[in-house]
Amino acid sequence: MKAAILRGVQELCVDTVANPHAAPGEVVVRLHAAALNHRDVWIKQGAYAGLRFPVVPGSDGAGVVTEVGPGVDDSWLGREVIINPSLDWGHDPRAQEPRFTILGMPRDGTLAEYISIPATQLAPKPAHLDWVEAAALPLAGLTAFRAVFSRAHLKAHEKILISGIGAGTALFALQFAVAAGAVPCVTSSSEEKLRKAHELGAKAGAIYTKTGWAREFGEHHGPFDVVIDSASGPGLGDLVDLAANGGRIVFFGATCGNPPELPMRKLFWKQLSLLGTTMGSPTEFQMMTAYVARHAIHPVVSHRFPLDRVDEAFALMEAGGQFGKIVVEIG
């Protein structure tokens, strides 16, 4: 089969490799599409823990089951599925176990024509999604669902601020908040991304690179019951200021590094909750796909590339030029 292979840091190519086979408890899925995440870029750049080469990158994928291994129900054969990339979460819904990993490192991922995967990682493809949309859903959708509902417990009519709109997880958080009947606002460094977010249901947006943006924005649109963030860094102080008394700040990344300091007096005086989160449990994955199906949510797809041009897909993500998911069509 054809697959994208990382043979080392910054050594990405498309090559022919052996087809996978289904071990006990596993299936083989013929992939129709796969999507990129920032994690794939960090692995390619060598900025990720536990690197092992060569590896097929990619965490998100959707396709048709073509083979079942011993112990797997034959009814999976021929079914259209999406893959849960959250491997070995464990039995505690509060947090993942130490053996938890994400598909695409160290286990070979979805940027290939076929993949072997435990049958427990499968979910039926929501019928209203095409292959590209389905492939865009898993990692970012699961991360956003856990952040918005399992951790923040967002309710209808609450105000929610989502930072860095344009990234896949932030967009899913916006779409989920709209479906929940909340009042979402967003931030970005791009006026064009704010305009697109408004079309998806954002009530207001702010350019976070402008000096003093948080004070003016808070006066007109805050305070916020829930804040969803993946950047941290110096901007965390603004988010603390924008949070309502008793508010919840949920974060799942630190792309801007650690904050210079935590404003402890504000945190305890405003009764704020800082909630870390990652991807999610198998139960949350099933809940997320059901939520997407029930509300007919369509993932936002920014660009599509064939597998032979996967290097262009990576370059676009490295440049930050997308609004929504970058998807690789396979076959």
C-alpha atoms as a PDB file:
ATOM      1  CA  MET A   1       0.000   0.000   0.000  1.00  0.00           C
ATOM      2  CA  LYS A   2       0.953   3.666  -0.295  1.00  0.00           C
ATOM      3  CA  ALA A   3       1.618   5.589   2.881  1.00  0.00           C
ATOM      4  CA  ALA A   4       3.189   8.794   4.122  1.00  0.00           C
ATOM      5  CA  ILE A   5       6.313   7.855   6.059  1.00  0.00           C
ATOM      6  CA  LEU A   6       8.364   9.875   8.502  1.00  0.00           C
ATOM      7  CA  ARG A   7      11.826   8.311   8.375  1.00  0.00           C
ATOM      8  CA  GLY A   8      13.300  10.894  10.739  1.00  0.00           C
ATOM      9  CA  VAL A   9      13.005  14.515  11.779  1.00  0.00           C
ATOM     10  CA  GLN A  10      11.845  16.535   8.743  1.00  0.00           C
ATOM     11  CA  GLU A  11      12.146  13.396   6.551  1.00  0.00           C
ATOM     12  CA  LEU A  12       8.645  12.967   5.106  1.00  0.00           C
ATOM     13  CA  CYS A  13       7.953  10.965   1.958  1.00  0.00           C
ATOM     14  CA  VAL A  14       5.259   8.873   0.282  1.00  0.00           C
ATOM     15  CA  ASP A  15       6.362   5.293  -0.259  1.00  0.00           C
ATOM     16  CA  THR A  16       5.103   1.728  -0.629  1.00  0.00           C
ATOM     17  CA  VAL A  17       4.948  -0.366   2.541  1.00  0.00           C
ATOM     18  CA  ALA A  18       3.498  -3.741   3.488  1.00  0.00           C
ATOM     19  CA  ASN A  19      -0.250  -3.984   4.007  1.00  0.00           C
ATOM     20  CA  PRO A  20      -1.321  -4.373   7.657  1.00  0.00           C
ATOM     21  CA  HIS A  21      -3.249  -7.401   8.892  1.00  0.00           C
ATOM     22  CA  ALA A  22      -5.753  -7.733  11.706  1.00  0.00           C
ATOM     23  CA  ALA A  23      -4.365  -9.252  14.904  1.00  0.00           C
ATOM     24  CA  PRO A  24      -6.741 -10.694  17.521  1.00  0.00           C
ATOM     25  CA  GLY A  25      -9.229  -8.016  18.535  1.00  0.00           C
ATOM     26  CA  GLU A  26      -8.307  -5.809  15.589  1.00  0.00           C
ATOM     27  CA  VAL A  27      -9.722  -4.819  12.223  1.00  0.00           C
ATOM     28  CA  VAL A  28      -8.232  -3.447   9.020  1.00  0.00           C
ATOM     29  CA  VAL A  29      -9.805  -0.257   7.691  1.00  0.00           C
ATOM     30  CA  ARG A  30      -9.490   0.892   4.077  1.00  0.00           C
ATOM     31  CA  LEU A  31      -9.038   4.621   4.627  1.00  0.00           C
ATOM     32  CA  HIS A  32     -10.799   7.113   2.381  1.00  0.00           C
ATOM     33  CA  ALA A  33      -9.487  10.248   4.105  1.00  0.00           C
ATOM     34  CA  ALA A  34      -7.213  11.345   6.926  1.00  0.00           C
ATOM     35  CA  ALA A  35      -6.715  14.733   8.587  1.00  0.00           C
ATOM     36  CA  LEU A  36      -3.726  16.566  10.019  1.00  0.00           C
ATOM     37  CA  ASN A  37      -3.307  17.955  13.519  1.00  0.00           C
ATOM     38  CA  HIS A  38      -0.624  20.214  14.966  1.00  0.00           C
ATOM     39  CA  ARG A  39       0.668  17.114  16.708  1.00  0.00           C
ATOM     40  CA  ASP A  40       1.726  15.691  13.323  1.00  0.00           C
ATOM     41  CA  VAL A  41       3.747  18.833  12.588  1.00  0.00           C
ATOM     42  CA  TRP A  42       5.448  18.715  15.995  1.00  0.00           C
ATOM     43  CA  ILE A  43       6.377  15.061  15.410  1.00  0.00           C
ATOM     44  CA  LYS A  44       7.785  15.918  11.981  1.00  0.00           C
ATOM     45  CA  GLN A  45       9.841  18.729  13.523  1.00  0.00           C
ATOM     46  CA  GLY A  46      11.145  16.466  16.298  1.00  0.00           C
ATOM     47  CA  ALA A  47       9.393  18.564  18.961  1.00  0.00           C
ATOM     48  CA  TYR A  48       7.477  15.693  20.564  1.00  0.00           C
ATOM     49  CA  ALA A  49       8.203  13.178  23.284  1.00  0.00           C
ATOM     50  CA  GLY A  50       8.866   9.493  22.580  1.00  0.00           C
ATOM     51  CA  LEU A  51       9.778   9.810  18.913  1.00  0.00           C
ATOM     52  CA  ARG A  52      10.204   6.533  17.014  1.00  0.00           C
ATOM     53  CA  PHE A  53      11.055   6.333  13.327  1.00  0.00           C
ATOM     54  CA  PRO A  54      10.039   5.247  10.790  1.00  0.00           C
ATOM     55  CA  VAL A  55       6.360   5.872  11.473  1.00  0.00           C
ATOM     56  CA  VAL A  56       3.189   6.544   9.519  1.00  0.00           C
ATOM     57  CA  PRO A  57       1.832   9.797  11.015  1.00  0.00           C
ATOM     58  CA  GLY A  58      -1.799  10.799  11.282  1.00  0.00           C
ATOM     59  CA  SER A  59      -4.364  10.454  14.064  1.00  0.00           C
ATOM     60  CA  ASP A  60      -7.624  11.144  12.221  1.00  0.00           C
ATOM     61  CA  GLY A  61      -9.178   8.822   9.671  1.00  0.00           C
ATOM     62  CA  ALA A  62     -12.374   7.412   8.211  1.00  0.00           C
ATOM     63  CA  GLY A  63     -12.987   4.444   5.943  1.00  0.00           C
ATOM     64  CA  VAL A  64     -14.504   0.989   5.483  1.00  0.00           C
ATOM     65  CA  VAL A  65     -13.662  -2.155   7.459  1.00  0.00           C
ATOM     66  CA  THR A  66     -12.195  -4.751   5.083  1.00  0.00           C
ATOM     67  CA  GLU A  67     -10.860  -7.397   7.486  1.00  0.00           C
ATOM     68  CA  VAL A  68     -11.624  -8.532  11.029  1.00  0.00           C
ATOM     69  CA  GLY A  69      -9.244 -10.422  13.271  1.00  0.00           C
ATOM     70  CA  PRO A  70      -9.945 -13.298  15.661  1.00  0.00           C
ATOM     71  CA  GLY A  71     -12.458 -12.375  18.324  1.00  0.00           C
ATOM     72  CA  VAL A  72     -14.026  -9.512  16.353  1.00  0.00           C
ATOM     73  CA  ASP A  73     -17.687  -9.594  15.317  1.00  0.00           C
ATOM     74  CA  ASP A  74     -18.029 -10.184  11.569  1.00  0.00           C
ATOM     75  CA  SER A  75     -20.765  -7.544  11.447  1.00  0.00           C
ATOM     76  CA  TRP A  76     -18.020  -4.893  11.280  1.00  0.00           C
ATOM     77  CA  LEU A  77     -17.098  -6.021   7.762  1.00  0.00           C
ATOM     78  CA  GLY A  78     -18.074  -3.473   5.146  1.00  0.00           C
ATOM     79  CA  ARG A  79     -19.158  -0.841   7.685  1.00  0.00           C
ATOM     80  CA  GLU A  80     -18.298   2.832   7.283  1.00  0.00           C
ATOM     81  CA  VAL A  81     -16.399   3.965  10.376  1.00  0.00           C
ATOM     82  CA  ILE A  82     -14.363   6.725  11.943  1.00  0.00           C
ATOM     83  CA  ILE A  83     -11.400   5.935  14.171  1.00  0.00           C
ATOM     84  CA  ASN A  84     -10.946   7.049  17.772  1.00  0.00           C
ATOM     85  CA  PRO A  85      -7.233   7.992  18.016  1.00  0.00           C
ATOM     86  CA  SER A  86      -7.263   8.035  21.835  1.00  0.00           C
ATOM     87  CA  LEU A  87      -5.590   4.683  22.609  1.00  0.00           C
ATOM     88  CA  ASP A  88      -5.608   2.908  25.982  1.00  0.00           C
ATOM     89  CA  TRP A  89      -7.339   5.685  27.916  1.00  0.00           C
ATOM     90  CA  GLY A  90      -8.161   3.315  30.756  1.00  0.00           C
ATOM     91  CA  HIS A  91     -11.186   2.924  33.026  1.00  0.00           C
ATOM     92  CA  ASP A  92     -11.170   6.217  34.944  1.00  0.00           C
ATOM     93  CA  PRO A  93     -13.215   8.920  33.154  1.00  0.00           C
ATOM     94  CA  ARG A  94     -11.415  11.622  35.144  1.00  0.00           C
ATOM     95  CA  ALA A  95      -8.008  11.114  33.523  1.00  0.00           C
ATOM     96  CA  GLN A  96      -6.037   8.852  31.216  1.00  0.00           C
ATOM     97  CA  GLU A  97      -3.789   6.042  32.462  1.00  0.00           C
ATOM     98  CA  PRO A  98       0.028   6.152  32.067  1.00  0.00           C
ATOM     99  CA  ARG A  99      -0.139   3.749  29.087  1.00  0.00           C
ATOM    100  CA  PHE A 100      -2.321   6.198  27.131  1.00  0.00           C
ATOM    101  CA  THR A 101      -1.038   7.065  23.642  1.00  0.00           C
ATOM    102  CA  ILE A 102      -2.360   8.786  20.540  1.00  0.00           C
ATOM    103  CA  LEU A 103      -2.568   7.116  17.142  1.00  0.00           C
ATOM    104  CA  GLY A 104       0.250   8.158  14.808  1.00  0.00           C
ATOM    105  CA  MET A 105       3.137   7.892  17.295  1.00  0.00           C
ATOM    106  CA  PRO A 106       4.279   5.375  18.332  1.00  0.00           C
ATOM    107  CA  ARG A 107       1.607   3.255  16.582  1.00  0.00           C
ATOM    108  CA  ASP A 108       1.377   3.781  12.806  1.00  0.00           C
ATOM    109  CA  GLY A 109      -1.351   6.245  11.922  1.00  0.00           C
ATOM    110  CA  THR A 110      -3.876   7.135   9.270  1.00  0.00           C
ATOM    111  CA  LEU A 111      -1.897   8.697   6.423  1.00  0.00           C
ATOM    112  CA  ALA A 112      -1.997   5.421   4.510  1.00  0.00           C
ATOM    113  CA  GLU A 113      -4.344   3.391   2.348  1.00  0.00           C
ATOM    114  CA  TYR A 114      -4.968   0.853   5.130  1.00  0.00           C
ATOM    115  CA  ILE A 115      -4.611   0.733   8.891  1.00  0.00           C
ATOM    116  CA  SER A 116      -4.946  -1.994  11.520  1.00  0.00           C
ATOM    117  CA  ILE A 117      -6.649  -0.833  14.691  1.00  0.00           C
ATOM    118  CA  PRO A 118      -8.390  -2.405  17.718  1.00  0.00           C
ATOM    119  CA  ALA A 119     -12.085  -2.805  16.995  1.00  0.00           C
ATOM    120  CA  THR A 120     -12.817  -0.958  20.230  1.00  0.00           C
ATOM    121  CA  GLN A 121     -11.511   2.223  18.539  1.00  0.00           C
ATOM    122  CA  LEU A 122     -14.256   2.250  15.898  1.00  0.00           C
ATOM    123  CA  ALA A 123     -17.439   4.271  15.751  1.00  0.00           C
ATOM    124  CA  PRO A 124     -20.017   4.336  12.953  1.00  0.00           C
ATOM    125  CA  LYS A 125     -19.491   7.243  10.574  1.00  0.00           C
ATOM    126  CA  PRO A 126     -22.268   9.813  11.112  1.00  0.00           C
ATOM    127  CA  ALA A 127     -24.484   9.393   8.055  1.00  0.00           C
ATOM    128  CA  HIS A 128     -24.670  13.108   7.213  1.00  0.00           C
ATOM    129  CA  LEU A 129     -20.876  13.429   6.835  1.00  0.00           C
ATOM    130  CA  ASP A 130     -18.888  12.748   3.686  1.00  0.00           C
ATOM    131  CA  TRP A 131     -15.510  11.039   3.952  1.00  0.00           C
ATOM    132  CA  VAL A 132     -13.501  14.253   4.200  1.00  0.00           C
ATOM    133  CA  GLU A 133     -15.730  15.683   6.938  1.00  0.00           C
ATOM    134  CA  ALA A 134     -15.694  12.390   8.839  1.00  0.00           C
ATOM    135  CA  ALA A 135     -11.892  12.266   8.779  1.00  0.00           C
ATOM    136  CA  ALA A 136     -11.757  15.827  10.142  1.00  0.00           C
ATOM    137  CA  LEU A 137     -13.728  14.933  13.246  1.00  0.00           C
ATOM    138  CA  PRO A 138     -11.927  12.548  15.656  1.00  0.00           C
ATOM    139  CA  LEU A 139      -9.022  14.155  17.534  1.00  0.00           C
ATOM    140  CA  ALA A 140     -10.134  17.775  17.521  1.00  0.00           C
ATOM    141  CA  GLY A 141     -13.787  16.874  17.983  1.00  0.00           C
ATOM    142  CA  LEU A 142     -13.066  14.657  20.984  1.00  0.00           C
ATOM    143  CA  THR A 143     -10.750  17.237  22.574  1.00  0.00           C
ATOM    144  CA  ALA A 144     -13.325  19.997  22.155  1.00  0.00           C
ATOM    145  CA  PHE A 145     -16.213  17.857  23.401  1.00  0.00           C
ATOM    146  CA  ARG A 146     -14.391  16.934  26.613  1.00  0.00           C
ATOM    147  CA  ALA A 147     -13.277  20.536  27.158  1.00  0.00           C
ATOM    148  CA  VAL A 148     -16.701  22.082  26.592  1.00  0.00           C
ATOM    149  CA  PHE A 149     -18.948  19.511  28.254  1.00  0.00           C
ATOM    150  CA  SER A 150     -17.037  17.062  30.475  1.00  0.00           C
ATOM    151  CA  ARG A 151     -14.723  19.679  31.997  1.00  0.00           C
ATOM    152  CA  ALA A 152     -16.490  23.055  31.663  1.00  0.00           C
ATOM    153  CA  HIS A 153     -20.048  21.657  31.893  1.00  0.00           C
ATOM    154  CA  LEU A 154     -21.248  24.391  29.540  1.00  0.00           C
ATOM    155  CA  LYS A 155     -24.953  25.165  29.809  1.00  0.00           C
ATOM    156  CA  ALA A 156     -27.411  26.919  27.513  1.00  0.00           C
ATOM    157  CA  HIS A 157     -27.270  30.738  27.652  1.00  0.00           C
ATOM    158  CA  GLU A 158     -23.843  30.801  29.332  1.00  0.00           C
ATOM    159  CA  LYS A 159     -21.197  33.044  27.782  1.00  0.00           C
ATOM    160  CA  ILE A 160     -18.157  31.210  26.428  1.00  0.00           C
ATOM    161  CA  LEU A 161     -14.942  32.697  25.031  1.00  0.00           C
ATOM    162  CA  ILE A 162     -12.886  30.546  22.645  1.00  0.00           C
ATOM    163  CA  SER A 163      -9.361  31.730  21.884  1.00  0.00           C
ATOM    164  CA  GLY A 164      -7.433  31.215  18.659  1.00  0.00           C
ATOM    165  CA  ILE A 165     -10.383  30.566  16.382  1.00  0.00           C
ATOM    166  CA  GLY A 166      -9.410  28.900  13.106  1.00  0.00           C
ATOM    167  CA  ALA A 167      -7.738  25.863  14.623  1.00  0.00           C
ATOM    168  CA  GLY A 168      -9.740  22.656  14.392  1.00  0.00           C
ATOM    169  CA  THR A 169     -10.382  22.174  18.112  1.00  0.00           C
ATOM    170  CA  ALA A 170     -11.415  25.805  18.629  1.00  0.00           C
ATOM    171  CA  LEU A 171     -13.856  25.575  15.723  1.00  0.00           C
ATOM    172  CA  PHE A 172     -15.436  22.416  17.121  1.00  0.00           C
ATOM    173  CA  ALA A 173     -15.745  24.152  20.496  1.00  0.00           C
ATOM    174  CA  LEU A 174     -17.576  27.000  18.738  1.00  0.00           C
ATOM    175  CA  GLN A 175     -19.893  24.629  16.870  1.00  0.00           C
ATOM    176  CA  PHE A 176     -20.652  22.609  20.010  1.00  0.00           C
ATOM    177  CA  ALA A 177     -21.356  25.796  21.983  1.00  0.00           C
ATOM    178  CA  VAL A 178     -23.752  27.037  19.301  1.00  0.00           C
ATOM    179  CA  ALA A 179     -25.560  23.676  19.282  1.00  0.00           C
ATOM    180  CA  ALA A 180     -25.825  23.828  23.098  1.00  0.00           C
ATOM    181  CA  GLY A 181     -27.549  27.208  22.997  1.00  0.00           C
ATOM    182  CA  ALA A 182     -24.656  29.062  24.638  1.00  0.00           C
ATOM    183  CA  VAL A 183     -23.420  32.562  23.718  1.00  0.00           C
ATOM    184  CA  PRO A 184     -19.996  32.125  22.077  1.00  0.00           C
ATOM    185  CA  CYS A 185     -17.360  34.785  21.428  1.00  0.00           C
ATOM    186  CA  VAL A 186     -13.921  34.224  19.888  1.00  0.00           C
ATOM    187  CA  THR A 187     -10.461  35.718  19.499  1.00  0.00           C
ATOM    188  CA  SER A 188      -8.003  35.602  16.626  1.00  0.00           C
ATOM    189  CA  SER A 189      -5.090  37.482  15.094  1.00  0.00           C
ATOM    190  CA  SER A 190      -7.021  37.657  11.786  1.00  0.00           C
ATOM    191  CA  GLU A 191     -10.062  39.758  10.881  1.00  0.00           C
ATOM    192  CA  GLU A 192     -10.898  37.239   8.152  1.00  0.00           C
ATOM    193  CA  LYS A 193     -11.026  34.390  10.669  1.00  0.00           C
ATOM    194  CA  LEU A 194     -13.289  36.455  12.916  1.00  0.00           C
ATOM    195  CA  ARG A 195     -15.627  37.031   9.966  1.00  0.00           C
ATOM    196  CA  LYS A 196     -15.794  33.312   9.208  1.00  0.00           C
ATOM    197  CA  ALA A 197     -16.374  32.524  12.883  1.00  0.00           C
ATOM    198  CA  HIS A 198     -19.306  34.946  12.887  1.00  0.00           C
ATOM    199  CA  GLU A 199     -20.826  32.971  10.002  1.00  0.00           C
ATOM    200  CA  LEU A 200     -20.589  29.848  12.191  1.00  0.00           C
ATOM    201  CA  GLY A 201     -22.451  31.482  15.069  1.00  0.00           C
ATOM    202  CA  ALA A 202     -19.917  33.521  17.043  1.00  0.00           C
ATOM    203  CA  LYS A 203     -21.637  36.563  18.567  1.00  0.00           C
ATOM    204  CA  ALA A 204     -18.514  38.726  18.696  1.00  0.00           C
ATOM    205  CA  GLY A 205     -14.765  38.534  18.131  1.00  0.00           C
ATOM    206  CA  ALA A 206     -11.581  40.315  19.172  1.00  0.00           C
ATOM    207  CA  ILE A 207      -8.106  40.693  17.704  1.00  0.00           C
ATOM    208  CA  TYR A 208      -5.902  39.590  20.578  1.00  0.00           C
ATOM    209  CA  THR A 209      -2.771  41.212  19.135  1.00  0.00           C
ATOM    210  CA  LYS A 210      -4.200  44.702  19.731  1.00  0.00           C
ATOM    211  CA  THR A 211      -2.978  46.443  22.867  1.00  0.00           C
ATOM    212  CA  GLY A 212      -5.677  46.599  25.532  1.00  0.00           C
ATOM    213  CA  TRP A 213      -8.103  44.404  23.609  1.00  0.00           C
ATOM    214  CA  ALA A 214      -9.303  42.492  26.667  1.00  0.00           C
ATOM    215  CA  ARG A 215     -10.523  45.510  28.643  1.00  0.00           C
ATOM    216  CA  GLU A 216     -12.636  46.888  25.784  1.00  0.00           C
ATOM    217  CA  PHE A 217     -13.931  43.476  24.741  1.00  0.00           C
ATOM    218  CA  GLY A 218     -14.850  42.570  28.311  1.00  0.00           C
ATOM    219  CA  GLU A 219     -16.794  45.796  28.792  1.00  0.00           C
ATOM    220  CA  HIS A 220     -18.941  45.080  25.734  1.00  0.00           C
ATOM    221  CA  HIS A 221     -19.263  41.280  25.765  1.00  0.00           C
ATOM    222  CA  GLY A 222     -18.035  39.797  29.047  1.00  0.00           C
ATOM    223  CA  PRO A 223     -17.629  38.494  31.604  1.00  0.00           C
ATOM    224  CA  PHE A 224     -17.452  34.873  30.442  1.00  0.00           C
ATOM    225  CA  ASP A 225     -18.697  31.846  32.346  1.00  0.00           C
ATOM    226  CA  VAL A 226     -16.376  29.559  30.354  1.00  0.00           C
ATOM    227  CA  VAL A 227     -13.056  30.218  28.605  1.00  0.00           C
ATOM    228  CA  ILE A 228     -11.477  27.644  26.258  1.00  0.00           C
ATOM    229  CA  ASP A 229      -7.770  28.151  25.521  1.00  0.00           C
ATOM    230  CA  SER A 230      -4.864  26.275  23.964  1.00  0.00           C
ATOM    231  CA  ALA A 231      -2.175  28.974  23.967  1.00  0.00           C
ATOM    232  CA  SER A 232      -1.503  29.953  27.608  1.00  0.00           C
ATOM    233  CA  GLY A 233       1.638  32.117  27.748  1.00  0.00           C
ATOM    234  CA  PRO A 234       1.454  35.847  28.559  1.00  0.00           C
ATOM    235  CA  GLY A 235      -2.146  36.036  27.315  1.00  0.00           C
ATOM    236  CA  LEU A 236      -3.469  33.920  30.185  1.00  0.00           C
ATOM    237  CA  GLY A 237      -3.727  37.032  32.348  1.00  0.00           C
ATOM    238  CA  ASP A 238      -6.218  38.571  29.937  1.00  0.00           C
ATOM    239  CA  LEU A 239      -8.354  35.442  30.066  1.00  0.00           C
ATOM    240  CA  VAL A 240      -8.392  35.548  33.869  1.00  0.00           C
ATOM    241  CA  ASP A 241      -9.574  39.161  33.683  1.00  0.00           C
ATOM    242  CA  LEU A 242     -12.333  38.219  31.218  1.00  0.00           C
ATOM    243  CA  ALA A 243     -13.624  35.283  33.261  1.00  0.00           C
ATOM    244  CA  ALA A 244     -16.764  35.791  35.342  1.00  0.00           C
ATOM    245  CA  ASN A 245     -16.794  35.223  39.085  1.00  0.00           C
ATOM    246  CA  GLY A 246     -17.040  31.467  39.511  1.00  0.00           C
ATOM    247  CA  GLY A 247     -15.933  30.984  35.904  1.00  0.00           C
ATOM    248  CA  ARG A 248     -14.145  27.966  34.426  1.00  0.00           C
ATOM    249  CA  ILE A 249     -10.992  28.278  32.307  1.00  0.00           C
ATOM    250  CA  VAL A 250     -10.268  25.086  30.376  1.00  0.00           C
ATOM    251  CA  PHE A 251      -6.927  24.647  28.616  1.00  0.00           C
ATOM    252  CA  PHE A 252      -5.494  21.827  26.520  1.00  0.00           C
ATOM    253  CA  GLY A 253      -2.258  23.268  25.190  1.00  0.00           C
ATOM    254  CA  ALA A 254       0.518  25.759  25.767  1.00  0.00           C
ATOM    255  CA  THR A 255       1.593  26.820  22.290  1.00  0.00           C
ATOM    256  CA  CYS A 256       2.744  30.188  23.680  1.00  0.00           C
ATOM    257  CA  GLY A 257       4.549  28.589  26.605  1.00  0.00           C
ATOM    258  CA  ASN A 258       4.012  28.988  30.324  1.00  0.00           C
ATOM    259  CA  PRO A 259       2.537  32.240  31.670  1.00  0.00           C
ATOM    260  CA  PRO A 260       5.108  34.530  33.298  1.00  0.00           C
ATOM    261  CA  GLU A 261       3.109  34.301  36.530  1.00  0.00           C
ATOM    262  CA  LEU A 262      -0.305  33.291  37.764  1.00  0.00           C
ATOM    263  CA  PRO A 263      -2.400  36.156  39.168  1.00  0.00           C
ATOM    264  CA  MET A 264      -3.195  34.233  42.322  1.00  0.00           C
ATOM    265  CA  ARG A 265      -5.203  36.978  44.049  1.00  0.00           C
ATOM    266  CA  LYS A 266      -7.552  37.251  41.071  1.00  0.00           C
ATOM    267  CA  LEU A 267      -7.876  33.490  40.827  1.00  0.00           C
ATOM    268  CA  PHE A 268      -9.004  32.969  44.391  1.00  0.00           C
ATOM    269  CA  TRP A 269     -10.982  36.202  44.745  1.00  0.00           C
ATOM    270  CA  LYS A 270     -12.990  35.470  41.581  1.00  0.00           C
ATOM    271  CA  GLN A 271     -13.451  31.819  42.658  1.00  0.00           C
ATOM    272  CA  LEU A 272     -12.078  30.632  39.287  1.00  0.00           C
ATOM    273  CA  SER A 273     -11.505  27.021  38.291  1.00  0.00           C
ATOM    274  CA  LEU A 274      -8.480  26.174  36.090  1.00  0.00           C
ATOM    275  CA  LEU A 275      -9.225  22.892  34.336  1.00  0.00           C
ATOM    276  CA  GLY A 276      -6.651  20.973  32.338  1.00  0.00           C
ATOM    277  CA  THR A 277      -7.818  18.504  29.708  1.00  0.00           C
ATOM    278  CA  THR A 278      -6.567  16.342  26.862  1.00  0.00           C
ATOM    279  CA  MET A 279      -8.483  14.197  24.406  1.00  0.00           C
ATOM    280  CA  GLY A 280     -11.033  11.908  26.017  1.00  0.00           C
ATOM    281  CA  SER A 281     -12.351   8.500  26.954  1.00  0.00           C
ATOM    282  CA  PRO A 282     -14.049   5.931  24.692  1.00  0.00           C
ATOM    283  CA  THR A 283     -17.382   6.886  26.237  1.00  0.00           C
ATOM    284  CA  GLU A 284     -16.791  10.547  25.407  1.00  0.00           C
ATOM    285  CA  PHE A 285     -15.885   9.612  21.827  1.00  0.00           C
ATOM    286  CA  GLN A 286     -19.202   7.810  21.418  1.00  0.00           C
ATOM    287  CA  MET A 287     -21.017  10.752  23.019  1.00  0.00           C
ATOM    288  CA  MET A 288     -19.225  13.202  20.727  1.00  0.00           C
ATOM    289  CA  THR A 289     -20.085  11.350  17.505  1.00  0.00           C
ATOM    290  CA  ALA A 290     -23.696  11.006  18.660  1.00  0.00           C
ATOM    291  CA  TYR A 291     -23.813  14.754  19.420  1.00  0.00           C
ATOM    292  CA  VAL A 292     -22.455  15.575  15.968  1.00  0.00           C
ATOM    293  CA  ALA A 293     -25.041  13.295  14.358  1.00  0.00           C
ATOM    294  CA  ARG A 294     -27.932  14.624  16.467  1.00  0.00           C
ATOM    295  CA  HIS A 295     -27.175  18.260  15.674  1.00  0.00           C
ATOM    296  CA  ALA A 296     -26.052  17.593  12.053  1.00  0.00           C
ATOM    297  CA  ILE A 297     -22.756  19.393  12.692  1.00  0.00           C
ATOM    298  CA  HIS A 298     -20.424  19.577   9.693  1.00  0.00           C
ATOM    299  CA  PRO A 299     -16.710  19.898  10.488  1.00  0.00           C
ATOM    300  CA  VAL A 300     -15.061  22.908   8.890  1.00  0.00           C
ATOM    301  CA  VAL A 301     -12.634  21.744   6.189  1.00  0.00           C
ATOM    302  CA  SER A 302     -10.030  24.271   5.104  1.00  0.00           C
ATOM    303  CA  HIS A 303      -8.054  22.445   2.402  1.00  0.00           C
ATOM    304  CA  ARG A 304      -7.936  19.041   0.723  1.00  0.00           C
ATOM    305  CA  PHE A 305      -4.845  17.339  -0.676  1.00  0.00           C
ATOM    306  CA  PRO A 306      -4.228  13.949  -2.313  1.00  0.00           C
ATOM    307  CA  LEU A 307      -1.852  11.615  -0.504  1.00  0.00           C
ATOM    308  CA  ASP A 308       0.883  12.250  -3.083  1.00  0.00           C
ATOM    309  CA  ARG A 309       0.900  15.934  -2.013  1.00  0.00           C
ATOM    310  CA  VAL A 310       0.977  15.325   1.725  1.00  0.00           C
ATOM    311  CA  ASP A 311       4.123  17.454   1.990  1.00  0.00           C
ATOM    312  CA  GLU A 312       2.072  20.463   0.846  1.00  0.00           C
ATOM    313  CA  ALA A 313      -0.538  19.706   3.491  1.00  0.00           C
ATOM    314  CA  PHE A 314       2.152  19.719   6.195  1.00  0.00           C
ATOM    315  CA  ALA A 315       3.640  22.952   4.842  1.00  0.00           C
ATOM    316  CA  LEU A 316       0.258  24.677   4.997  1.00  0.00           C
ATOM    317  CA  MET A 317      -0.271  23.633   8.608  1.00  0.00           C
ATOM    318  CA  GLU A 318       3.242  24.736   9.552  1.00  0.00           C
ATOM    319  CA  ALA A 319       2.488  28.147   8.026  1.00  0.00           C
ATOM    320  CA  GLY A 320      -0.794  28.399   9.963  1.00  0.00           C
ATOM    321  CA  GLY A 321      -2.690  29.224   6.789  1.00  0.00           C
ATOM    322  CA  GLN A 322      -5.811  27.166   7.479  1.00  0.00           C
ATOM    323  CA  PHE A 323      -9.267  27.880   8.831  1.00  0.00           C
ATOM    324  CA  GLY A 324     -10.503  24.471   9.882  1.00  0.00           C
ATOM    325  CA  LYS A 325      -9.071  21.061   9.164  1.00  0.00           C
ATOM    326  CA  ILE A 326      -6.537  20.074   6.511  1.00  0.00           C
ATOM    327  CA  VAL A 327      -7.611  16.729   5.044  1.00  0.00           C
ATOM    328  CA  VAL A 328      -5.728  14.234   2.889  1.00  0.00           C
ATOM    329  CA  GLU A 329      -7.911  12.263   0.478  1.00  0.00           C
ATOM    330  CA  ILE A 330      -6.684   8.701  -0.033  1.00  0.00           C
ATOM    331  CA  GLY A 331      -7.301   6.531  -3.052  1.00  0.00           C
END
